[in-house]
């Protein structure tokens, strides 16, 4: 059934696009880029990602649902088209019950869960620099100046940030 193959192909392409990594000239020419970019942002006192993992998963879920919904308005052949549309049988039931489709939907709807730990580990590396946004800069600056610092003290203080 062509409609079933088209749905499977849509899910396969979605999965492939979700796992796309990095960027290269070849990928950009083939339009094989990730669906979105994720940025690391300071949301004092924490470091977060934008969009959040929950927002990413919700978007993936909406994509999966929309692929499945496409078949709801395509009706099986051999039915009396003069009947009310609500009484006609669509291909949706056939597609939604296909084992490969169900498996792919389950993989997609839980796809971000497996990367949560890696994302949190990556964000934790920024905790080392938390003093930059947790301390009162003006107060630290004033205390430093009160110590009547030498040129070497300035140099030493600046090296803390390298």
Foldseek 3Di string as FASTA:
>chain_A
DVLLVVLLVQLVLLVQLCPDDDDDPVCVVVVSHHPDDKDWDCPPPFIAIPPHLVVVLVVLLVSLVVSLCVQVQAFDPDDDPVDDSVPTHTCSVVNCPDPSSVVSSVCSNCVSVVCVVVVVVVRVVCVVVSCVPPDDPVVVVVVLVVVVDDPVSVVVVVVVVD
